[in-house]
Amino acid sequence: MVNRISVRSVTPLLEELGKKGNKVSPSDLRDLIKNLRESNQFSKALEVSSWMGENKVFHLFSEDYAARLHLIDKVLGLEEADKFFESSIPENMKDYSVYATLLNLYTRSERNLVKAE
């Protein structure tokens, strides 16, 4: 599976799994995201994370939003991560893990050091 992921988009693979009636478990998707992040395949990890959110295959936790926030920063930049935080994360999911991730992103950027403070 890893070889197929490194060659092409992850979304068709996830959709194919869903069509075959296989239930994609939350832990499998979280493990896939983790493995993709660890192998520096941030775009594909973001693709899986986005697919999870868009298809609402299960209830997301604040840690899922924090991971996606980090991936958006890696792939699309801090400005997009900031927009995602403001417009896409439900208020009840903005807990310590999400704010800690956002603060970490701000402190890595000299431009947003004031926001971090």
PDB file of N, CA and C in Angstrom:
ATOM      1  N   MET A   1       0.825  -1.196   0.000  1.00  0.00           N
ATOM      2  CA  MET A   1       0.000   0.000   0.000  1.00  0.00           C
ATOM      3  C   MET A   1       0.862   1.248   0.000  1.00  0.00           C
ATOM      4  N   VAL A   2       1.977   1.249   0.708  1.00  0.00           N
ATOM      5  CA  VAL A   2       2.831   2.427   0.769  1.00  0.00           C
ATOM      6  C   VAL A   2       3.359   2.781  -0.614  1.00  0.00           C
ATOM      7  N   ASN A   3       3.715   1.789  -1.424  1.00  0.00           N
ATOM      8  CA  ASN A   3       4.217   2.072  -2.762  1.00  0.00           C
ATOM      9  C   ASN A   3       3.157   2.742  -3.618  1.00  0.00           C
ATOM     10  N   ARG A   4       1.914   2.280  -3.514  1.00  0.00           N
ATOM     11  CA  ARG A   4       0.840   2.893  -4.286  1.00  0.00           C
ATOM     12  C   ARG A   4       0.605   4.327  -3.840  1.00  0.00           C
ATOM     13  N   ILE A   5       0.719   4.577  -2.560  1.00  0.00           N
ATOM     14  CA  ILE A   5       0.487   5.917  -2.032  1.00  0.00           C
ATOM     15  C   ILE A   5       1.560   6.883  -2.521  1.00  0.00           C
ATOM     16  N   SER A   6       2.791   6.435  -2.566  1.00  0.00           N
ATOM     17  CA  SER A   6       3.866   7.334  -2.963  1.00  0.00           C
ATOM     18  C   SER A   6       3.815   7.665  -4.448  1.00  0.00           C
ATOM     19  N   VAL A   7       3.080   6.868  -5.238  1.00  0.00           N
ATOM     20  CA  VAL A   7       3.030   7.074  -6.676  1.00  0.00           C
ATOM     21  C   VAL A   7       1.858   7.954  -7.094  1.00  0.00           C
ATOM     22  N   ARG A   8       0.718   7.796  -6.416  1.00  0.00           N
ATOM     23  CA  ARG A   8      -0.467   8.509  -6.868  1.00  0.00           C
ATOM     24  C   ARG A   8      -1.227   9.123  -5.701  1.00  0.00           C
ATOM     25  N   SER A   9      -2.298   9.779  -6.034  1.00  0.00           N
ATOM     26  CA  SER A   9      -3.141  10.418  -5.033  1.00  0.00           C
ATOM     27  C   SER A   9      -3.755   9.378  -4.099  1.00  0.00           C
ATOM     28  N   VAL A  10      -3.964   9.769  -2.870  1.00  0.00           N
ATOM     29  CA  VAL A  10      -4.518   8.873  -1.860  1.00  0.00           C
ATOM     30  C   VAL A  10      -6.042   8.816  -1.950  1.00  0.00           C
ATOM     31  N   THR A  11      -6.681   9.886  -2.351  1.00  0.00           N
ATOM     32  CA  THR A  11      -8.138   9.961  -2.350  1.00  0.00           C
ATOM     33  C   THR A  11      -8.801   8.842  -3.154  1.00  0.00           C
ATOM     34  N   PRO A  12      -8.364   8.548  -4.375  1.00  0.00           N
ATOM     35  CA  PRO A  12      -9.012   7.441  -5.100  1.00  0.00           C
ATOM     36  C   PRO A  12      -8.906   6.105  -4.355  1.00  0.00           C
ATOM     37  N   LEU A  13      -7.805   5.891  -3.698  1.00  0.00           N
ATOM     38  CA  LEU A  13      -7.632   4.668  -2.919  1.00  0.00           C
ATOM     39  C   LEU A  13      -8.635   4.618  -1.765  1.00  0.00           C
ATOM     40  N   LEU A  14      -8.810   5.716  -1.059  1.00  0.00           N
ATOM     41  CA  LEU A  14      -9.772   5.779   0.045  1.00  0.00           C
ATOM     42  C   LEU A  14     -11.201   5.601  -0.459  1.00  0.00           C
ATOM     43  N   GLU A  15     -11.521   6.236  -1.579  1.00  0.00           N
ATOM     44  CA  GLU A  15     -12.859   6.112  -2.140  1.00  0.00           C
ATOM     45  C   GLU A  15     -13.131   4.688  -2.604  1.00  0.00           C
ATOM     46  N   GLU A  16     -12.126   4.040  -3.166  1.00  0.00           N
ATOM     47  CA  GLU A  16     -12.269   2.654  -3.608  1.00  0.00           C
ATOM     48  C   GLU A  16     -12.541   1.731  -2.421  1.00  0.00           C
ATOM     49  N   LEU A  17     -11.847   1.964  -1.331  1.00  0.00           N
ATOM     50  CA  LEU A  17     -12.087   1.177  -0.123  1.00  0.00           C
ATOM     51  C   LEU A  17     -13.528   1.335   0.343  1.00  0.00           C
ATOM     52  N   GLY A  18     -14.025   2.563   0.299  1.00  0.00           N
ATOM     53  CA  GLY A  18     -15.402   2.820   0.711  1.00  0.00           C
ATOM     54  C   GLY A  18     -16.424   2.174  -0.210  1.00  0.00           C
ATOM     55  N   LYS A  19     -16.152   2.150  -1.506  1.00  0.00           N
ATOM     56  CA  LYS A  19     -17.072   1.558  -2.472  1.00  0.00           C
ATOM     57  C   LYS A  19     -17.187   0.053  -2.296  1.00  0.00           C
ATOM     58  N   LYS A  20     -16.120  -0.559  -1.913  1.00  0.00           N
ATOM     59  CA  LYS A  20     -16.128  -2.016  -1.767  1.00  0.00           C
ATOM     60  C   LYS A  20     -16.839  -2.445  -0.491  1.00  0.00           C
ATOM     61  N   GLY A  21     -17.384  -1.494   0.229  1.00  0.00           N
ATOM     62  CA  GLY A  21     -18.121  -1.820   1.441  1.00  0.00           C
ATOM     63  C   GLY A  21     -17.235  -2.024   2.651  1.00  0.00           C
ATOM     64  N   ASN A  22     -15.965  -1.803   2.488  1.00  0.00           N
ATOM     65  CA  ASN A  22     -15.053  -1.922   3.622  1.00  0.00           C
ATOM     66  C   ASN A  22     -15.218  -0.707   4.516  1.00  0.00           C
ATOM     67  N   LYS A  23     -15.270  -0.955   5.770  1.00  0.00           N
ATOM     68  CA  LYS A  23     -15.362   0.151   6.725  1.00  0.00           C
ATOM     69  C   LYS A  23     -13.938   0.618   7.027  1.00  0.00           C
ATOM     70  N   VAL A  24     -13.671   1.870   6.764  1.00  0.00           N
ATOM     71  CA  VAL A  24     -12.363   2.444   7.050  1.00  0.00           C
ATOM     72  C   VAL A  24     -12.391   2.901   8.504  1.00  0.00           C
ATOM     73  N   SER A  25     -11.519   2.345   9.306  1.00  0.00           N
ATOM     74  CA  SER A  25     -11.549   2.678  10.729  1.00  0.00           C
ATOM     75  C   SER A  25     -10.800   3.981  11.010  1.00  0.00           C
ATOM     76  N   PRO A  26     -11.247   4.704  12.019  1.00  0.00           N
ATOM     77  CA  PRO A  26     -10.558   5.949  12.394  1.00  0.00           C
ATOM     78  C   PRO A  26      -9.090   5.704  12.727  1.00  0.00           C
ATOM     79  N   SER A  27      -8.814   4.619  13.434  1.00  0.00           N
ATOM     80  CA  SER A  27      -7.416   4.369  13.815  1.00  0.00           C
ATOM     81  C   SER A  27      -6.559   4.069  12.597  1.00  0.00           C
ATOM     82  N   ASP A  28      -7.115   3.399  11.589  1.00  0.00           N
ATOM     83  CA  ASP A  28      -6.353   3.128  10.364  1.00  0.00           C
ATOM     84  C   ASP A  28      -6.007   4.436   9.646  1.00  0.00           C
ATOM     85  N   LEU A  29      -6.981   5.343   9.560  1.00  0.00           N
ATOM     86  CA  LEU A  29      -6.728   6.621   8.890  1.00  0.00           C
ATOM     87  C   LEU A  29      -5.737   7.473   9.678  1.00  0.00           C
ATOM     88  N   ARG A  30      -5.874   7.476  10.977  1.00  0.00           N
ATOM     89  CA  ARG A  30      -4.928   8.243  11.803  1.00  0.00           C
ATOM     90  C   ARG A  30      -3.525   7.662  11.687  1.00  0.00           C
ATOM     91  N   ASP A  31      -3.424   6.331  11.648  1.00  0.00           N
ATOM     92  CA  ASP A  31      -2.115   5.693  11.459  1.00  0.00           C
ATOM     93  C   ASP A  31      -1.539   6.024  10.088  1.00  0.00           C
ATOM     94  N   LEU A  32      -2.389   6.031   9.071  1.00  0.00           N
ATOM     95  CA  LEU A  32      -1.931   6.371   7.728  1.00  0.00           C
ATOM     96  C   LEU A  32      -1.390   7.798   7.690  1.00  0.00           C
ATOM     97  N   ILE A  33      -2.116   8.732   8.300  1.00  0.00           N
ATOM     98  CA  ILE A  33      -1.656  10.123   8.358  1.00  0.00           C
ATOM     99  C   ILE A  33      -0.318  10.203   9.080  1.00  0.00           C
ATOM    100  N   LYS A  34      -0.213   9.521  10.196  1.00  0.00           N
ATOM    101  CA  LYS A  34       1.034   9.525  10.967  1.00  0.00           C
ATOM    102  C   LYS A  34       2.195   8.968  10.138  1.00  0.00           C
ATOM    103  N   ASN A  35       1.963   7.851   9.459  1.00  0.00           N
ATOM    104  CA  ASN A  35       3.021   7.251   8.638  1.00  0.00           C
ATOM    105  C   ASN A  35       3.424   8.152   7.477  1.00  0.00           C
ATOM    106  N   LEU A  36       2.454   8.786   6.861  1.00  0.00           N
ATOM    107  CA  LEU A  36       2.763   9.712   5.764  1.00  0.00           C
ATOM    108  C   LEU A  36       3.547  10.919   6.273  1.00  0.00           C
ATOM    109  N   ARG A  37       3.172  11.429   7.444  1.00  0.00           N
ATOM    110  CA  ARG A  37       3.912  12.564   8.031  1.00  0.00           C
ATOM    111  C   ARG A  37       5.349  12.159   8.324  1.00  0.00           C
ATOM    112  N   GLU A  38       5.517  10.974   8.906  1.00  0.00           N
ATOM    113  CA  GLU A  38       6.857  10.523   9.273  1.00  0.00           C
ATOM    114  C   GLU A  38       7.743  10.276   8.057  1.00  0.00           C
ATOM    115  N   SER A  39       7.129  10.003   6.915  1.00  0.00           N
ATOM    116  CA  SER A  39       7.909   9.813   5.689  1.00  0.00           C
ATOM    117  C   SER A  39       7.934  11.083   4.830  1.00  0.00           C
ATOM    118  N   ASN A  40       7.597  12.212   5.462  1.00  0.00           N
ATOM    119  CA  ASN A  40       7.628  13.538   4.819  1.00  0.00           C
ATOM    120  C   ASN A  40       6.726  13.656   3.597  1.00  0.00           C
ATOM    121  N   GLN A  41       5.650  12.897   3.584  1.00  0.00           N
ATOM    122  CA  GLN A  41       4.663  12.991   2.510  1.00  0.00           C
ATOM    123  C   GLN A  41       3.480  13.829   3.026  1.00  0.00           C
ATOM    124  N   PHE A  42       3.792  15.077   3.312  1.00  0.00           N
ATOM    125  CA  PHE A  42       2.827  15.966   3.949  1.00  0.00           C
ATOM    126  C   PHE A  42       1.596  16.228   3.076  1.00  0.00           C
ATOM    127  N   SER A  43       1.779  16.345   1.772  1.00  0.00           N
ATOM    128  CA  SER A  43       0.642  16.593   0.876  1.00  0.00           C
ATOM    129  C   SER A  43      -0.351  15.442   0.932  1.00  0.00           C
ATOM    130  N   LYS A  44       0.162  14.228   0.920  1.00  0.00           N
ATOM    131  CA  LYS A  44      -0.718  13.062   0.970  1.00  0.00           C
ATOM    132  C   LYS A  44      -1.376  12.926   2.346  1.00  0.00           C
ATOM    133  N   ALA A  45      -0.636  13.244   3.393  1.00  0.00           N
ATOM    134  CA  ALA A  45      -1.209  13.212   4.738  1.00  0.00           C
ATOM    135  C   ALA A  45      -2.337  14.235   4.844  1.00  0.00           C
ATOM    136  N   LEU A  46      -2.132  15.418   4.275  1.00  0.00           N
ATOM    137  CA  LEU A  46      -3.176  16.443   4.273  1.00  0.00           C
ATOM    138  C   LEU A  46      -4.374  15.978   3.457  1.00  0.00           C
ATOM    139  N   GLU A  47      -4.121  15.289   2.372  1.00  0.00           N
ATOM    140  CA  GLU A  47      -5.194  14.766   1.531  1.00  0.00           C
ATOM    141  C   GLU A  47      -6.073  13.781   2.329  1.00  0.00           C
ATOM    142  N   VAL A  48      -5.447  12.894   3.080  1.00  0.00           N
ATOM    143  CA  VAL A  48      -6.195  11.935   3.901  1.00  0.00           C
ATOM    144  C   VAL A  48      -6.968  12.676   4.996  1.00  0.00           C
ATOM    145  N   SER A  49      -6.324  13.626   5.638  1.00  0.00           N
ATOM    146  CA  SER A  49      -6.966  14.398   6.694  1.00  0.00           C
ATOM    147  C   SER A  49      -8.171  15.170   6.143  1.00  0.00           C
ATOM    148  N   SER A  50      -8.009  15.764   5.004  1.00  0.00           N
ATOM    149  CA  SER A  50      -9.111  16.500   4.371  1.00  0.00           C
ATOM    150  C   SER A  50     -10.251  15.560   4.007  1.00  0.00           C
ATOM    151  N   TRP A  51      -9.896  14.397   3.475  1.00  0.00           N
ATOM    152  CA  TRP A  51     -10.903  13.394   3.110  1.00  0.00           C
ATOM    153  C   TRP A  51     -11.704  12.980   4.340  1.00  0.00           C
ATOM    154  N   MET A  52     -11.017  12.788   5.450  1.00  0.00           N
ATOM    155  CA  MET A  52     -11.692  12.420   6.699  1.00  0.00           C
ATOM    156  C   MET A  52     -12.730  13.467   7.077  1.00  0.00           C
ATOM    157  N   GLY A  53     -12.337  14.728   7.013  1.00  0.00           N
ATOM    158  CA  GLY A  53     -13.236  15.807   7.397  1.00  0.00           C
ATOM    159  C   GLY A  53     -14.385  16.000   6.434  1.00  0.00           C
ATOM    160  N   GLU A  54     -14.104  15.898   5.140  1.00  0.00           N
ATOM    161  CA  GLU A  54     -15.133  16.135   4.129  1.00  0.00           C
ATOM    162  C   GLU A  54     -16.149  15.002   4.062  1.00  0.00           C
ATOM    163  N   ASN A  55     -15.709  13.772   4.275  1.00  0.00           N
ATOM    164  CA  ASN A  55     -16.601  12.621   4.156  1.00  0.00           C
ATOM    165  C   ASN A  55     -17.260  12.230   5.464  1.00  0.00           C
ATOM    166  N   LYS A  56     -16.853  12.898   6.526  1.00  0.00           N
ATOM    167  CA  LYS A  56     -17.448  12.645   7.844  1.00  0.00           C
ATOM    168  C   LYS A  56     -17.625  11.145   8.112  1.00  0.00           C
ATOM    169  N   VAL A  57     -16.541  10.404   7.902  1.00  0.00           N
ATOM    170  CA  VAL A  57     -16.585   8.956   8.094  1.00  0.00           C
ATOM    171  C   VAL A  57     -16.693   8.584   9.570  1.00  0.00           C
ATOM    172  N   PHE A  58     -16.348   9.514  10.445  1.00  0.00           N
ATOM    173  CA  PHE A  58     -16.485   9.327  11.884  1.00  0.00           C
ATOM    174  C   PHE A  58     -16.323  10.685  12.534  1.00  0.00           C
ATOM    175  N   HIS A  59     -16.610  10.757  13.825  1.00  0.00           N
ATOM    176  CA  HIS A  59     -16.479  12.027  14.538  1.00  0.00           C
ATOM    177  C   HIS A  59     -15.005  12.356  14.745  1.00  0.00           C
ATOM    178  N   LEU A  60     -14.656  13.583  14.430  1.00  0.00           N
ATOM    179  CA  LEU A  60     -13.280  14.033  14.600  1.00  0.00           C
ATOM    180  C   LEU A  60     -13.065  14.528  16.019  1.00  0.00           C
ATOM    181  N   PHE A  61     -11.847  14.377  16.477  1.00  0.00           N
ATOM    182  CA  PHE A  61     -11.438  14.885  17.775  1.00  0.00           C
ATOM    183  C   PHE A  61     -10.590  16.133  17.566  1.00  0.00           C
ATOM    184  N   SER A  62     -10.365  16.863  18.629  1.00  0.00           N
ATOM    185  CA  SER A  62      -9.547  18.077  18.517  1.00  0.00           C
ATOM    186  C   SER A  62      -8.147  17.741  18.011  1.00  0.00           C
ATOM    187  N   GLU A  63      -7.637  16.577  18.359  1.00  0.00           N
ATOM    188  CA  GLU A  63      -6.309  16.166  17.881  1.00  0.00           C
ATOM    189  C   GLU A  63      -6.283  16.006  16.360  1.00  0.00           C
ATOM    190  N   ASP A  64      -7.426  15.601  15.772  1.00  0.00           N
ATOM    191  CA  ASP A  64      -7.516  15.502  14.315  1.00  0.00           C
ATOM    192  C   ASP A  64      -7.409  16.888  13.681  1.00  0.00           C
ATOM    193  N   TYR A  65      -8.072  17.854  14.305  1.00  0.00           N
ATOM    194  CA  TYR A  65      -7.990  19.232  13.802  1.00  0.00           C
ATOM    195  C   TYR A  65      -6.582  19.801  13.995  1.00  0.00           C
ATOM    196  N   ALA A  66      -5.953  19.495  15.107  1.00  0.00           N
ATOM    197  CA  ALA A  66      -4.588  19.968  15.356  1.00  0.00           C
ATOM    198  C   ALA A  66      -3.628  19.391  14.316  1.00  0.00           C
ATOM    199  N   ALA A  67      -3.780  18.110  14.015  1.00  0.00           N
ATOM    200  CA  ALA A  67      -2.914  17.476  13.010  1.00  0.00           C
ATOM    201  C   ALA A  67      -3.128  18.110  11.643  1.00  0.00           C
ATOM    202  N   ARG A  68      -4.383  18.371  11.306  1.00  0.00           N
ATOM    203  CA  ARG A  68      -4.668  18.990  10.003  1.00  0.00           C
ATOM    204  C   ARG A  68      -4.122  20.418   9.949  1.00  0.00           C
ATOM    205  N   LEU A  69      -4.236  21.135  11.040  1.00  0.00           N
ATOM    206  CA  LEU A  69      -3.697  22.487  11.117  1.00  0.00           C
ATOM    207  C   LEU A  69      -2.193  22.476  10.836  1.00  0.00           C
ATOM    208  N   HIS A  70      -1.496  21.541  11.437  1.00  0.00           N
ATOM    209  CA  HIS A  70      -0.048  21.399  11.223  1.00  0.00           C
ATOM    210  C   HIS A  70       0.248  21.057   9.765  1.00  0.00           C
ATOM    211  N   LEU A  71      -0.526  20.149   9.190  1.00  0.00           N
ATOM    212  CA  LEU A  71      -0.301  19.746   7.801  1.00  0.00           C
ATOM    213  C   LEU A  71      -0.582  20.889   6.835  1.00  0.00           C
ATOM    214  N   ILE A  72      -1.620  21.653   7.096  1.00  0.00           N
ATOM    215  CA  ILE A  72      -1.919  22.803   6.235  1.00  0.00           C
ATOM    216  C   ILE A  72      -0.751  23.775   6.249  1.00  0.00           C
ATOM    217  N   ASP A  73      -0.185  24.008   7.425  1.00  0.00           N
ATOM    218  CA  ASP A  73       0.977  24.885   7.515  1.00  0.00           C
ATOM    219  C   ASP A  73       2.124  24.334   6.684  1.00  0.00           C
ATOM    220  N   LYS A  74       2.398  23.050   6.799  1.00  0.00           N
ATOM    221  CA  LYS A  74       3.509  22.426   6.066  1.00  0.00           C
ATOM    222  C   LYS A  74       3.319  22.502   4.558  1.00  0.00           C
ATOM    223  N   VAL A  75       2.084  22.276   4.109  1.00  0.00           N
ATOM    224  CA  VAL A  75       1.821  22.172   2.675  1.00  0.00           C
ATOM    225  C   VAL A  75       1.446  23.512   2.048  1.00  0.00           C
ATOM    226  N   LEU A  76       0.576  24.253   2.718  1.00  0.00           N
ATOM    227  CA  LEU A  76       0.019  25.475   2.119  1.00  0.00           C
ATOM    228  C   LEU A  76       0.516  26.764   2.757  1.00  0.00           C
ATOM    229  N   GLY A  77       1.095  26.668   3.928  1.00  0.00           N
ATOM    230  CA  GLY A  77       1.628  27.850   4.591  1.00  0.00           C
ATOM    231  C   GLY A  77       0.794  28.298   5.770  1.00  0.00           C
ATOM    232  N   LEU A  78       1.405  29.170   6.565  1.00  0.00           N
ATOM    233  CA  LEU A  78       0.796  29.642   7.806  1.00  0.00           C
ATOM    234  C   LEU A  78      -0.490  30.428   7.579  1.00  0.00           C
ATOM    235  N   GLU A  79      -0.532  31.209   6.527  1.00  0.00           N
ATOM    236  CA  GLU A  79      -1.732  32.002   6.260  1.00  0.00           C
ATOM    237  C   GLU A  79      -2.953  31.102   6.055  1.00  0.00           C
ATOM    238  N   GLU A  80      -2.775  30.010   5.315  1.00  0.00           N
ATOM    239  CA  GLU A  80      -3.881  29.070   5.094  1.00  0.00           C
ATOM    240  C   GLU A  80      -4.239  28.335   6.382  1.00  0.00           C
ATOM    241  N   ALA A  81      -3.232  28.011   7.180  1.00  0.00           N
ATOM    242  CA  ALA A  81      -3.489  27.362   8.477  1.00  0.00           C
ATOM    243  C   ALA A  81      -4.297  28.288   9.372  1.00  0.00           C
ATOM    244  N   ASP A  82      -3.946  29.556   9.355  1.00  0.00           N
ATOM    245  CA  ASP A  82      -4.678  30.544  10.149  1.00  0.00           C
ATOM    246  C   ASP A  82      -6.134  30.642   9.681  1.00  0.00           C
ATOM    247  N   LYS A  83      -6.351  30.643   8.375  1.00  0.00           N
ATOM    248  CA  LYS A  83      -7.719  30.681   7.829  1.00  0.00           C
ATOM    249  C   LYS A  83      -8.498  29.434   8.245  1.00  0.00           C
ATOM    250  N   PHE A  84      -7.845  28.269   8.199  1.00  0.00           N
ATOM    251  CA  PHE A  84      -8.495  27.027   8.602  1.00  0.00           C
ATOM    252  C   PHE A  84      -8.897  27.099  10.067  1.00  0.00           C
ATOM    253  N   PHE A  85      -8.008  27.622  10.898  1.00  0.00           N
ATOM    254  CA  PHE A  85      -8.313  27.756  12.323  1.00  0.00           C
ATOM    255  C   PHE A  85      -9.530  28.648  12.533  1.00  0.00           C
ATOM    256  N   GLU A  86      -9.564  29.775  11.852  1.00  0.00           N
ATOM    257  CA  GLU A  86     -10.634  30.748  12.038  1.00  0.00           C
ATOM    258  C   GLU A  86     -11.979  30.271  11.488  1.00  0.00           C
ATOM    259  N   SER A  87     -11.974  29.573  10.350  1.00  0.00           N
ATOM    260  CA  SER A  87     -13.244  29.296   9.677  1.00  0.00           C
ATOM    261  C   SER A  87     -13.703  27.838   9.708  1.00  0.00           C
ATOM    262  N   SER A  88     -12.816  26.902   9.974  1.00  0.00           N
ATOM    263  CA  SER A  88     -13.208  25.503   9.805  1.00  0.00           C
ATOM    264  C   SER A  88     -13.181  24.644  11.068  1.00  0.00           C
ATOM    265  N   ILE A  89     -12.574  25.130  12.107  1.00  0.00           N
ATOM    266  CA  ILE A  89     -12.523  24.340  13.339  1.00  0.00           C
ATOM    267  C   ILE A  89     -13.672  24.791  14.241  1.00  0.00           C
ATOM    268  N   PRO A  90     -14.565  23.863  14.583  1.00  0.00           N
ATOM    269  CA  PRO A  90     -15.668  24.234  15.477  1.00  0.00           C
ATOM    270  C   PRO A  90     -15.138  24.729  16.824  1.00  0.00           C
ATOM    271  N   GLU A  91     -15.843  25.666  17.412  1.00  0.00           N
ATOM    272  CA  GLU A  91     -15.411  26.257  18.688  1.00  0.00           C
ATOM    273  C   GLU A  91     -15.198  25.205  19.774  1.00  0.00           C
ATOM    274  N   ASN A  92     -16.058  24.203  19.807  1.00  0.00           N
ATOM    275  CA  ASN A  92     -15.925  23.178  20.845  1.00  0.00           C
ATOM    276  C   ASN A  92     -14.718  22.261  20.640  1.00  0.00           C
ATOM    277  N   MET A  93     -14.052  22.386  19.502  1.00  0.00           N
ATOM    278  CA  MET A  93     -12.854  21.591  19.222  1.00  0.00           C
ATOM    279  C   MET A  93     -11.565  22.392  19.435  1.00  0.00           C
ATOM    280  N   LYS A  94     -11.712  23.668  19.715  1.00  0.00           N
ATOM    281  CA  LYS A  94     -10.535  24.519  19.929  1.00  0.00           C
ATOM    282  C   LYS A  94     -10.084  24.392  21.376  1.00  0.00           C
ATOM    283  N   ASP A  95      -9.401  23.293  21.654  1.00  0.00           N
ATOM    284  CA  ASP A  95      -8.907  23.048  23.003  1.00  0.00           C
ATOM    285  C   ASP A  95      -7.388  23.201  23.038  1.00  0.00           C
ATOM    286  N   TYR A  96      -6.798  22.682  24.083  1.00  0.00           N
ATOM    287  CA  TYR A  96      -5.363  22.827  24.291  1.00  0.00           C
ATOM    288  C   TYR A  96      -4.546  22.330  23.094  1.00  0.00           C
ATOM    289  N   SER A  97      -4.868  21.172  22.559  1.00  0.00           N
ATOM    290  CA  SER A  97      -4.056  20.617  21.473  1.00  0.00           C
ATOM    291  C   SER A  97      -4.090  21.509  20.229  1.00  0.00           C
ATOM    292  N   VAL A  98      -5.243  22.074  19.928  1.00  0.00           N
ATOM    293  CA  VAL A  98      -5.363  22.947  18.757  1.00  0.00           C
ATOM    294  C   VAL A  98      -4.634  24.264  18.995  1.00  0.00           C
ATOM    295  N   TYR A  99      -4.857  24.869  20.168  1.00  0.00           N
ATOM    296  CA  TYR A  99      -4.181  26.136  20.463  1.00  0.00           C
ATOM    297  C   TYR A  99      -2.671  25.945  20.579  1.00  0.00           C
ATOM    298  N   ALA A 100      -2.221  24.834  21.134  1.00  0.00           N
ATOM    299  CA  ALA A 100      -0.783  24.569  21.238  1.00  0.00           C
ATOM    300  C   ALA A 100      -0.166  24.433  19.853  1.00  0.00           C
ATOM    301  N   THR A 101      -0.876  23.772  18.947  1.00  0.00           N
ATOM    302  CA  THR A 101      -0.385  23.640  17.570  1.00  0.00           C
ATOM    303  C   THR A 101      -0.306  25.006  16.901  1.00  0.00           C
ATOM    304  N   LEU A 102      -1.364  25.801  17.039  1.00  0.00           N
ATOM    305  CA  LEU A 102      -1.380  27.133  16.438  1.00  0.00           C
ATOM    306  C   LEU A 102      -0.270  28.007  17.014  1.00  0.00           C
ATOM    307  N   LEU A 103      -0.100  27.969  18.315  1.00  0.00           N
ATOM    308  CA  LEU A 103       0.958  28.746  18.955  1.00  0.00           C
ATOM    309  C   LEU A 103       2.327  28.319  18.446  1.00  0.00           C
ATOM    310  N   ASN A 104       2.524  27.032  18.297  1.00  0.00           N
ATOM    311  CA  ASN A 104       3.781  26.509  17.768  1.00  0.00           C
ATOM    312  C   ASN A 104       4.032  27.014  16.341  1.00  0.00           C
ATOM    313  N   LEU A 105       2.980  27.033  15.525  1.00  0.00           N
ATOM    314  CA  LEU A 105       3.121  27.534  14.156  1.00  0.00           C
ATOM    315  C   LEU A 105       3.485  29.016  14.157  1.00  0.00           C
ATOM    316  N   TYR A 106       2.838  29.791  15.028  1.00  0.00           N
ATOM    317  CA  TYR A 106       3.133  31.223  15.111  1.00  0.00           C
ATOM    318  C   TYR A 106       4.560  31.478  15.576  1.00  0.00           C
ATOM    319  N   THR A 107       5.025  30.728  16.554  1.00  0.00           N
ATOM    320  CA  THR A 107       6.364  30.994  17.096  1.00  0.00           C
ATOM    321  C   THR A 107       7.460  30.618  16.104  1.00  0.00           C
ATOM    322  N   ARG A 108       7.155  29.748  15.157  1.00  0.00           N
ATOM    323  CA  ARG A 108       8.137  29.390  14.127  1.00  0.00           C
ATOM    324  C   ARG A 108       8.235  30.459  13.045  1.00  0.00           C
ATOM    325  N   SER A 109       7.262  31.340  12.991  1.00  0.00           N
ATOM    326  CA  SER A 109       7.238  32.379  11.976  1.00  0.00           C
ATOM    327  C   SER A 109       7.562  33.716  12.623  1.00  0.00           C
ATOM    328  N   GLU A 110       8.598  34.343  12.157  1.00  0.00           N
ATOM    329  CA  GLU A 110       8.974  35.652  12.693  1.00  0.00           C
ATOM    330  C   GLU A 110       7.890  36.692  12.440  1.00  0.00           C
ATOM    331  N   ARG A 111       7.161  36.538  11.322  1.00  0.00           N
ATOM    332  CA  ARG A 111       6.119  37.506  10.990  1.00  0.00           C
ATOM    333  C   ARG A 111       4.992  37.493  12.001  1.00  0.00           C
ATOM    334  N   ASN A 112       4.715  36.341  12.587  1.00  0.00           N
ATOM    335  CA  ASN A 112       3.566  36.225  13.477  1.00  0.00           C
ATOM    336  C   ASN A 112       3.957  36.082  14.946  1.00  0.00           C
ATOM    337  N   LEU A 113       5.143  36.478  15.289  1.00  0.00           N
ATOM    338  CA  LEU A 113       5.577  36.382  16.668  1.00  0.00           C
ATOM    339  C   LEU A 113       4.660  37.202  17.575  1.00  0.00           C
ATOM    340  N   VAL A 114       4.180  38.319  17.089  1.00  0.00           N
ATOM    341  CA  VAL A 114       3.276  39.161  17.874  1.00  0.00           C
ATOM    342  C   VAL A 114       1.977  38.392  18.151  1.00  0.00           C
ATOM    343  N   LYS A 115       1.455  37.669  17.140  1.00  0.00           N
ATOM    344  CA  LYS A 115       0.236  36.876  17.339  1.00  0.00           C
ATOM    345  C   LYS A 115       0.470  35.800  18.385  1.00  0.00           C
ATOM    346  N   ALA A 116       1.647  35.211  18.374  1.00  0.00           N
ATOM    347  CA  ALA A 116       1.975  34.158  19.344  1.00  0.00           C
ATOM    348  C   ALA A 116       1.929  34.705  20.753  1.00  0.00           C
ATOM    349  N   GLU A 117       2.413  35.924  20.919  1.00  0.00           N
ATOM    350  CA  GLU A 117       2.406  36.542  22.250  1.00  0.00           C
ATOM    351  C   GLU A 117       1.002  36.849  22.673  1.00  0.00           C
TER     352      GLU A 117
END
